N, C-alpha and C. Protein backbone atom coordinates (compact mmCIF):
# COMPACT_ATOMS: atom_id res chain seq x y z
N MET A 1 22.33 22.16 79.48
CA MET A 1 23.04 22.74 80.60
C MET A 1 23.28 21.70 81.68
N VAL A 2 22.36 20.77 81.82
CA VAL A 2 22.49 19.75 82.87
C VAL A 2 23.77 18.94 82.67
N LEU A 3 24.11 18.64 81.44
CA LEU A 3 25.32 17.86 81.17
C LEU A 3 26.56 18.60 81.66
N ILE A 4 26.72 19.86 81.30
CA ILE A 4 27.92 20.60 81.72
C ILE A 4 27.90 20.87 83.22
N GLU A 5 26.73 21.04 83.80
CA GLU A 5 26.64 21.20 85.25
C GLU A 5 27.18 19.96 85.95
N ASN A 6 26.75 18.79 85.50
CA ASN A 6 27.22 17.53 86.12
C ASN A 6 28.71 17.33 85.91
N LEU A 7 29.21 17.64 84.75
CA LEU A 7 30.65 17.51 84.50
C LEU A 7 31.46 18.45 85.39
N ALA A 8 30.99 19.67 85.54
CA ALA A 8 31.69 20.63 86.41
C ALA A 8 31.67 20.17 87.86
N LEU A 9 30.55 19.65 88.30
CA LEU A 9 30.46 19.15 89.68
C LEU A 9 31.37 17.95 89.92
N GLN A 10 31.77 17.28 88.84
CA GLN A 10 32.71 16.16 88.94
C GLN A 10 34.14 16.63 88.68
N TRP A 11 34.38 17.92 88.80
CA TRP A 11 35.69 18.56 88.73
C TRP A 11 36.25 18.75 87.34
N SER A 12 35.43 18.66 86.32
CA SER A 12 35.92 18.98 84.98
C SER A 12 36.13 20.48 84.88
N LYS A 13 37.19 20.85 84.18
CA LYS A 13 37.42 22.27 83.88
C LYS A 13 36.58 22.62 82.67
N ALA A 14 36.07 23.86 82.63
CA ALA A 14 35.20 24.23 81.52
C ALA A 14 35.32 25.71 81.19
N LEU A 15 35.07 25.98 79.92
CA LEU A 15 34.87 27.34 79.41
C LEU A 15 33.48 27.33 78.80
N ILE A 16 32.62 28.23 79.28
CA ILE A 16 31.21 28.20 78.90
C ILE A 16 30.80 29.53 78.28
N LEU A 17 30.05 29.44 77.20
CA LEU A 17 29.43 30.62 76.59
C LEU A 17 28.01 30.26 76.19
N THR A 18 27.08 31.13 76.56
CA THR A 18 25.71 30.96 76.14
C THR A 18 25.17 32.32 75.73
N TRP A 19 24.22 32.31 74.83
CA TRP A 19 23.61 33.56 74.39
C TRP A 19 22.67 34.09 75.45
N TYR A 20 21.98 33.17 76.13
CA TYR A 20 20.92 33.55 77.04
C TYR A 20 21.39 33.62 78.50
N PRO A 21 21.17 34.76 79.17
CA PRO A 21 21.57 34.88 80.58
C PRO A 21 20.90 33.85 81.48
N GLN A 22 19.69 33.40 81.13
CA GLN A 22 18.98 32.43 81.96
C GLN A 22 19.75 31.12 82.07
N ALA A 23 20.41 30.70 81.00
CA ALA A 23 21.20 29.46 81.03
C ALA A 23 22.37 29.61 81.99
N LYS A 24 23.03 30.76 81.94
CA LYS A 24 24.14 31.02 82.87
C LYS A 24 23.63 31.00 84.31
N GLU A 25 22.51 31.65 84.57
CA GLU A 25 21.94 31.70 85.91
C GLU A 25 21.55 30.30 86.39
N HIS A 26 21.02 29.49 85.49
CA HIS A 26 20.67 28.10 85.85
C HIS A 26 21.92 27.33 86.24
N PHE A 27 22.98 27.48 85.47
CA PHE A 27 24.24 26.80 85.78
C PHE A 27 24.72 27.21 87.18
N LEU A 28 24.75 28.49 87.44
CA LEU A 28 25.23 28.98 88.74
C LEU A 28 24.37 28.46 89.89
N GLN A 29 23.08 28.41 89.68
CA GLN A 29 22.16 27.92 90.70
C GLN A 29 22.40 26.44 91.01
N GLU A 30 22.62 25.65 89.96
CA GLU A 30 22.77 24.20 90.11
C GLU A 30 24.17 23.77 90.55
N THR A 31 25.13 24.67 90.50
CA THR A 31 26.51 24.30 90.86
C THR A 31 27.01 25.14 92.04
N LYS A 32 26.16 25.45 92.95
CA LYS A 32 26.54 26.27 94.11
C LYS A 32 27.70 25.66 94.90
N LYS A 33 27.79 24.32 94.88
CA LYS A 33 28.86 23.64 95.62
C LYS A 33 30.25 24.06 95.14
N ILE A 34 30.35 24.48 93.88
CA ILE A 34 31.66 24.89 93.36
C ILE A 34 31.68 26.39 93.02
N ALA A 35 30.87 27.15 93.71
CA ALA A 35 30.80 28.59 93.46
C ALA A 35 32.15 29.27 93.62
N ASP A 36 32.97 28.78 94.54
CA ASP A 36 34.29 29.38 94.75
C ASP A 36 35.29 29.01 93.66
N LYS A 37 34.91 28.11 92.77
CA LYS A 37 35.77 27.68 91.66
C LYS A 37 35.21 28.12 90.31
N THR A 38 34.16 28.95 90.35
CA THR A 38 33.46 29.39 89.15
C THR A 38 33.49 30.91 89.08
N ILE A 39 33.71 31.43 87.87
CA ILE A 39 33.74 32.88 87.68
C ILE A 39 33.01 33.24 86.39
N VAL A 40 32.28 34.33 86.43
CA VAL A 40 31.68 34.90 85.23
C VAL A 40 32.54 36.11 84.88
N VAL A 41 33.08 36.14 83.67
CA VAL A 41 33.94 37.25 83.27
C VAL A 41 33.26 38.06 82.17
N SER A 42 33.48 39.37 82.23
CA SER A 42 32.87 40.24 81.23
C SER A 42 33.88 41.11 80.50
N ASN A 43 35.17 40.96 80.83
CA ASN A 43 36.20 41.71 80.11
C ASN A 43 37.54 41.00 80.23
N MET A 44 38.51 41.48 79.48
CA MET A 44 39.83 40.83 79.44
C MET A 44 40.55 40.88 80.78
N ASN A 45 40.42 41.97 81.52
CA ASN A 45 41.10 42.06 82.82
C ASN A 45 40.59 40.99 83.77
N GLU A 46 39.27 40.80 83.83
CA GLU A 46 38.70 39.74 84.68
C GLU A 46 39.17 38.37 84.21
N LEU A 47 39.23 38.19 82.91
CA LEU A 47 39.67 36.92 82.34
C LEU A 47 41.13 36.64 82.72
N LYS A 48 41.99 37.62 82.55
CA LYS A 48 43.41 37.45 82.88
C LYS A 48 43.60 37.10 84.36
N LYS A 49 42.86 37.76 85.24
CA LYS A 49 42.98 37.52 86.68
C LYS A 49 42.45 36.15 87.09
N ASN A 50 41.52 35.61 86.33
CA ASN A 50 40.81 34.40 86.73
C ASN A 50 40.97 33.23 85.76
N LYS A 51 41.97 33.26 84.92
CA LYS A 51 42.12 32.25 83.87
C LYS A 51 42.39 30.84 84.41
N ASN A 52 42.71 30.72 85.68
CA ASN A 52 42.97 29.39 86.27
C ASN A 52 41.78 28.83 87.04
N MET A 53 40.67 29.54 87.05
CA MET A 53 39.48 29.03 87.73
C MET A 53 39.01 27.76 87.03
N GLN A 54 38.37 26.88 87.79
CA GLN A 54 37.88 25.62 87.22
C GLN A 54 36.86 25.86 86.12
N VAL A 55 35.89 26.72 86.38
CA VAL A 55 34.85 27.01 85.40
C VAL A 55 34.87 28.51 85.11
N ILE A 56 35.06 28.84 83.84
CA ILE A 56 35.03 30.22 83.39
C ILE A 56 33.81 30.37 82.50
N ILE A 57 32.93 31.26 82.90
CA ILE A 57 31.73 31.54 82.11
C ILE A 57 31.91 32.92 81.49
N ILE A 58 31.81 32.97 80.19
CA ILE A 58 31.93 34.25 79.48
C ILE A 58 30.58 34.95 79.58
N SER A 59 30.61 36.24 79.83
CA SER A 59 29.39 37.03 79.91
C SER A 59 28.50 36.74 78.70
N SER A 60 27.21 36.63 78.93
CA SER A 60 26.25 36.19 77.92
C SER A 60 26.43 36.88 76.57
N GLY A 61 26.64 36.08 75.56
CA GLY A 61 26.69 36.55 74.19
C GLY A 61 28.00 37.16 73.73
N ASP A 62 29.02 37.25 74.57
CA ASP A 62 30.26 37.92 74.21
C ASP A 62 31.22 36.95 73.50
N GLU A 63 30.95 36.72 72.23
CA GLU A 63 31.78 35.75 71.51
C GLU A 63 33.20 36.25 71.28
N LYS A 64 33.39 37.55 71.18
CA LYS A 64 34.75 38.10 71.01
C LYS A 64 35.59 37.76 72.24
N LEU A 65 35.03 37.93 73.43
CA LEU A 65 35.75 37.59 74.65
C LEU A 65 35.99 36.08 74.73
N CYS A 66 35.05 35.31 74.27
CA CYS A 66 35.22 33.85 74.25
C CYS A 66 36.39 33.45 73.34
N LEU A 67 36.46 34.06 72.17
CA LEU A 67 37.58 33.78 71.25
C LEU A 67 38.91 34.16 71.90
N GLU A 68 38.94 35.28 72.59
CA GLU A 68 40.16 35.70 73.29
C GLU A 68 40.50 34.71 74.40
N ALA A 69 39.49 34.22 75.10
CA ALA A 69 39.71 33.25 76.17
C ALA A 69 40.32 31.97 75.62
N ILE A 70 39.81 31.51 74.50
CA ILE A 70 40.33 30.28 73.89
C ILE A 70 41.81 30.44 73.55
N LYS A 71 42.19 31.62 73.07
CA LYS A 71 43.60 31.88 72.75
C LYS A 71 44.46 32.01 74.00
N MET A 72 43.93 32.62 75.05
CA MET A 72 44.72 33.00 76.20
C MET A 72 44.85 31.92 77.28
N ILE A 73 43.85 31.11 77.47
CA ILE A 73 43.86 30.13 78.56
C ILE A 73 44.84 29.00 78.22
N GLU A 74 45.88 28.88 79.04
CA GLU A 74 46.94 27.91 78.75
C GLU A 74 46.46 26.47 78.77
N ASP A 75 45.51 26.15 79.64
CA ASP A 75 45.04 24.77 79.75
C ASP A 75 43.76 24.52 78.94
N ILE A 76 43.59 25.25 77.87
CA ILE A 76 42.35 25.14 77.08
C ILE A 76 42.13 23.72 76.56
N ASN A 77 43.20 22.99 76.27
CA ASN A 77 43.04 21.61 75.78
C ASN A 77 42.55 20.66 76.87
N GLU A 78 42.67 21.05 78.13
CA GLU A 78 42.18 20.25 79.25
C GLU A 78 40.73 20.59 79.58
N ARG A 79 40.23 21.67 79.06
CA ARG A 79 38.89 22.15 79.39
C ARG A 79 37.85 21.67 78.40
N ILE A 80 36.65 21.51 78.90
CA ILE A 80 35.51 21.31 78.02
C ILE A 80 35.09 22.70 77.55
N ILE A 81 34.98 22.87 76.26
CA ILE A 81 34.44 24.11 75.72
C ILE A 81 32.97 23.83 75.45
N PHE A 82 32.11 24.54 76.16
CA PHE A 82 30.67 24.35 76.05
C PHE A 82 30.06 25.63 75.49
N ILE A 83 29.47 25.52 74.31
CA ILE A 83 28.80 26.67 73.70
C ILE A 83 27.34 26.30 73.49
N LYS A 84 26.47 27.03 74.16
CA LYS A 84 25.03 26.79 74.03
C LYS A 84 24.49 27.72 72.96
N ASN A 85 23.68 27.17 72.07
CA ASN A 85 23.07 27.93 70.98
C ASN A 85 24.12 28.52 70.04
N ILE A 86 25.08 27.70 69.65
CA ILE A 86 26.16 28.19 68.79
C ILE A 86 25.63 28.67 67.43
N ASP A 87 24.45 28.22 67.05
CA ASP A 87 23.87 28.65 65.77
C ASP A 87 23.56 30.15 65.76
N ILE A 88 23.50 30.78 66.92
CA ILE A 88 23.25 32.22 67.00
C ILE A 88 24.54 33.01 66.75
N PHE A 89 25.69 32.39 67.01
CA PHE A 89 26.97 33.08 66.90
C PHE A 89 27.52 33.01 65.47
N HIS A 90 28.61 33.75 65.23
CA HIS A 90 29.24 33.79 63.91
C HIS A 90 30.07 32.53 63.65
N LYS A 91 30.34 32.30 62.38
CA LYS A 91 31.10 31.11 61.96
C LYS A 91 32.49 31.04 62.60
N GLN A 92 33.11 32.18 62.82
CA GLN A 92 34.47 32.20 63.35
C GLN A 92 34.56 31.47 64.69
N LEU A 93 33.58 31.68 65.55
CA LEU A 93 33.58 31.01 66.84
C LEU A 93 33.45 29.50 66.65
N LEU A 94 32.53 29.08 65.85
CA LEU A 94 32.35 27.65 65.60
C LEU A 94 33.61 27.04 65.01
N ASN A 95 34.17 27.65 63.99
CA ASN A 95 35.37 27.10 63.34
C ASN A 95 36.54 27.03 64.31
N THR A 96 36.65 27.99 65.21
CA THR A 96 37.70 27.94 66.23
C THR A 96 37.45 26.77 67.18
N CYS A 97 36.22 26.63 67.64
CA CYS A 97 35.89 25.56 68.59
C CYS A 97 36.07 24.17 68.00
N LEU A 98 35.80 24.01 66.72
CA LEU A 98 35.89 22.69 66.09
C LEU A 98 37.31 22.12 66.09
N LYS A 99 38.30 22.93 66.41
CA LYS A 99 39.69 22.47 66.47
C LYS A 99 39.97 21.70 67.75
N TYR A 100 39.06 21.77 68.72
CA TYR A 100 39.30 21.17 70.03
C TYR A 100 38.49 19.88 70.20
N ASN A 101 39.06 18.95 70.97
CA ASN A 101 38.42 17.65 71.16
C ASN A 101 37.38 17.64 72.27
N LYS A 102 37.59 18.41 73.31
CA LYS A 102 36.64 18.44 74.43
C LYS A 102 35.64 19.56 74.15
N LEU A 103 34.67 19.23 73.38
CA LEU A 103 33.74 20.23 72.87
C LEU A 103 32.31 19.74 73.01
N ILE A 104 31.47 20.58 73.59
CA ILE A 104 30.04 20.29 73.65
C ILE A 104 29.33 21.48 73.04
N LEU A 105 28.56 21.21 72.00
CA LEU A 105 27.83 22.26 71.31
C LEU A 105 26.34 22.00 71.39
N SER A 106 25.60 23.03 71.68
CA SER A 106 24.15 22.99 71.59
C SER A 106 23.81 23.78 70.34
N VAL A 107 23.11 23.13 69.41
CA VAL A 107 22.93 23.79 68.11
C VAL A 107 21.63 23.34 67.45
N GLU A 108 20.99 24.26 66.79
CA GLU A 108 19.89 23.95 65.87
C GLU A 108 20.59 23.81 64.51
N LEU A 109 20.98 22.59 64.19
CA LEU A 109 21.87 22.33 63.06
C LEU A 109 21.38 22.91 61.74
N ASP A 110 20.12 22.73 61.43
CA ASP A 110 19.62 23.14 60.12
C ASP A 110 19.63 24.66 59.90
N THR A 111 19.62 25.44 60.97
CA THR A 111 19.63 26.90 60.83
C THR A 111 21.01 27.50 61.06
N CYS A 112 21.98 26.68 61.39
CA CYS A 112 23.32 27.16 61.70
C CYS A 112 24.06 27.56 60.42
N ALA A 113 24.66 28.73 60.43
CA ALA A 113 25.40 29.22 59.26
C ALA A 113 26.57 28.30 58.89
N ALA A 114 27.13 27.63 59.86
CA ALA A 114 28.28 26.75 59.62
C ALA A 114 27.90 25.28 59.69
N LYS A 115 26.68 24.94 59.29
CA LYS A 115 26.23 23.55 59.41
C LYS A 115 27.08 22.60 58.57
N GLY A 116 27.65 23.08 57.48
CA GLY A 116 28.52 22.23 56.66
C GLY A 116 29.73 21.75 57.45
N ASN A 117 30.39 22.66 58.14
CA ASN A 117 31.55 22.30 58.96
C ASN A 117 31.15 21.42 60.13
N LEU A 118 30.04 21.74 60.74
CA LEU A 118 29.55 20.96 61.88
C LEU A 118 29.21 19.53 61.49
N SER A 119 28.57 19.38 60.35
CA SER A 119 28.08 18.06 59.95
C SER A 119 29.19 17.14 59.46
N LYS A 120 30.35 17.67 59.14
CA LYS A 120 31.46 16.84 58.65
C LYS A 120 32.34 16.30 59.76
N LYS A 121 32.32 16.95 60.91
CA LYS A 121 33.18 16.52 62.02
C LYS A 121 32.66 15.21 62.62
N ARG A 122 33.58 14.32 62.98
CA ARG A 122 33.22 13.08 63.67
C ARG A 122 33.27 13.35 65.16
N TYR A 123 32.19 13.05 65.84
CA TYR A 123 32.07 13.29 67.27
C TYR A 123 32.11 11.97 68.03
N THR A 124 32.65 12.01 69.23
CA THR A 124 32.64 10.83 70.09
C THR A 124 31.21 10.48 70.46
N SER A 125 30.42 11.50 70.78
CA SER A 125 29.02 11.30 71.13
C SER A 125 28.18 12.40 70.50
N ILE A 126 26.94 12.05 70.20
CA ILE A 126 26.01 13.02 69.64
C ILE A 126 24.63 12.70 70.19
N ILE A 127 23.89 13.75 70.53
CA ILE A 127 22.51 13.59 70.99
C ILE A 127 21.64 14.42 70.06
N LEU A 128 20.66 13.80 69.47
CA LEU A 128 19.74 14.50 68.57
C LEU A 128 18.35 14.51 69.19
N PHE A 129 17.72 15.67 69.19
CA PHE A 129 16.36 15.79 69.71
C PHE A 129 15.35 15.94 68.58
N SER A 130 15.86 16.16 67.39
CA SER A 130 14.97 16.24 66.22
C SER A 130 15.75 15.75 65.00
N GLN A 131 15.04 15.36 64.01
CA GLN A 131 15.63 14.83 62.79
C GLN A 131 16.17 16.01 61.96
N PRO A 132 17.49 16.14 61.84
CA PRO A 132 18.01 17.24 61.03
C PRO A 132 17.85 16.95 59.54
N LYS A 133 17.67 18.00 58.77
CA LYS A 133 17.65 17.87 57.31
C LYS A 133 19.07 17.81 56.79
N THR A 134 19.98 18.40 57.54
CA THR A 134 21.39 18.39 57.18
C THR A 134 21.95 16.98 57.32
N LYS A 135 22.66 16.53 56.30
CA LYS A 135 23.21 15.18 56.31
C LYS A 135 24.35 15.08 57.32
N LEU A 136 24.32 14.01 58.11
CA LEU A 136 25.36 13.73 59.09
C LEU A 136 26.08 12.44 58.72
N PRO A 137 27.32 12.25 59.21
CA PRO A 137 28.06 11.03 58.88
C PRO A 137 27.64 9.83 59.74
N TYR A 138 26.41 9.83 60.25
CA TYR A 138 25.91 8.75 61.07
C TYR A 138 24.59 8.27 60.49
N LYS A 139 24.31 7.01 60.70
CA LYS A 139 23.03 6.46 60.26
C LYS A 139 22.17 6.24 61.49
N PHE A 140 20.93 6.66 61.41
CA PHE A 140 19.99 6.43 62.49
C PHE A 140 18.59 6.46 61.91
N ILE A 141 17.67 5.81 62.63
CA ILE A 141 16.30 5.74 62.14
C ILE A 141 15.62 7.09 62.33
N PRO A 142 14.57 7.37 61.58
CA PRO A 142 13.85 8.63 61.76
C PRO A 142 13.31 8.75 63.19
N LEU A 143 13.36 9.94 63.72
CA LEU A 143 12.91 10.17 65.09
C LEU A 143 11.44 10.53 65.12
N GLU A 144 10.74 9.92 66.05
CA GLU A 144 9.34 10.27 66.29
C GLU A 144 9.31 11.45 67.26
N GLN A 145 8.14 12.04 67.41
CA GLN A 145 8.00 13.13 68.37
C GLN A 145 8.32 12.62 69.77
N TYR A 146 9.00 13.42 70.55
CA TYR A 146 9.41 13.13 71.93
C TYR A 146 10.39 11.95 72.02
N THR A 147 11.10 11.69 70.96
CA THR A 147 12.13 10.66 70.96
C THR A 147 13.46 11.34 70.70
N TRP A 148 14.48 10.91 71.38
CA TRP A 148 15.79 11.44 71.10
C TRP A 148 16.77 10.30 70.92
N TYR A 149 17.82 10.62 70.22
CA TYR A 149 18.80 9.62 69.81
C TYR A 149 20.13 9.97 70.46
N ILE A 150 20.76 8.98 71.06
CA ILE A 150 22.09 9.16 71.64
C ILE A 150 23.02 8.19 70.94
N ARG A 151 24.09 8.69 70.40
CA ARG A 151 25.07 7.84 69.74
C ARG A 151 26.43 8.12 70.34
N SER A 152 27.10 7.08 70.77
CA SER A 152 28.45 7.17 71.28
C SER A 152 29.24 6.08 70.59
N GLU A 153 30.53 6.10 70.69
CA GLU A 153 31.42 5.19 69.95
C GLU A 153 30.78 3.87 69.52
N ASN A 154 30.44 3.01 70.45
CA ASN A 154 29.87 1.70 70.09
C ASN A 154 28.46 1.50 70.62
N ILE A 155 27.84 2.56 71.06
CA ILE A 155 26.52 2.44 71.67
C ILE A 155 25.55 3.38 70.96
N LYS A 156 24.37 2.86 70.67
CA LYS A 156 23.32 3.68 70.07
C LYS A 156 22.04 3.43 70.84
N TRP A 157 21.39 4.49 71.29
CA TRP A 157 20.13 4.38 72.02
C TRP A 157 19.10 5.29 71.42
N TYR A 158 17.87 4.85 71.49
CA TYR A 158 16.73 5.70 71.22
C TYR A 158 15.96 5.80 72.52
N VAL A 159 15.65 7.01 72.92
CA VAL A 159 14.95 7.21 74.18
C VAL A 159 13.64 7.90 73.88
N LYS A 160 12.58 7.34 74.36
CA LYS A 160 11.25 7.96 74.19
C LYS A 160 10.89 8.60 75.52
N SER A 161 10.67 9.90 75.48
CA SER A 161 10.30 10.63 76.69
C SER A 161 8.87 10.29 77.09
N GLY A 162 8.57 10.44 78.35
CA GLY A 162 7.25 10.13 78.85
C GLY A 162 6.30 11.31 78.79
N TRP A 163 6.49 12.22 77.91
CA TRP A 163 5.62 13.41 77.83
C TRP A 163 4.31 13.09 77.18
């Protein structure tokens, strides 16, 4: 959530969906500076009225409304689509999102129903917090506990947390 919060505070447009209401509440708390540019929508009427807001947050867990938002929002290609815990949602949402370039997914890859589609896509950047069993098109060394891997176009880092 911290990543999308920082991007929104730097004026990025976003469409956000999370399963857990706590993540939405955390986002709203951390982005109070742009509260007048952020809306939480829970139905199509609210979405239609607010489709030009900088940050549109879909009511927690409403993937049907999220799919409708992706179809309806004219500037969707300019927005970051951020889906937290996409492994909880159905394949249709993931397959729809994979068509877009500005995409941030939070996923437990090995338990995701659509891990095959996810693992084949080439990403500009990827952050791994655990060693997936699912094969990815990237090479990296095995991760130790409390180590995470960040891979971007020409940069690869291993970060060991101080826990």
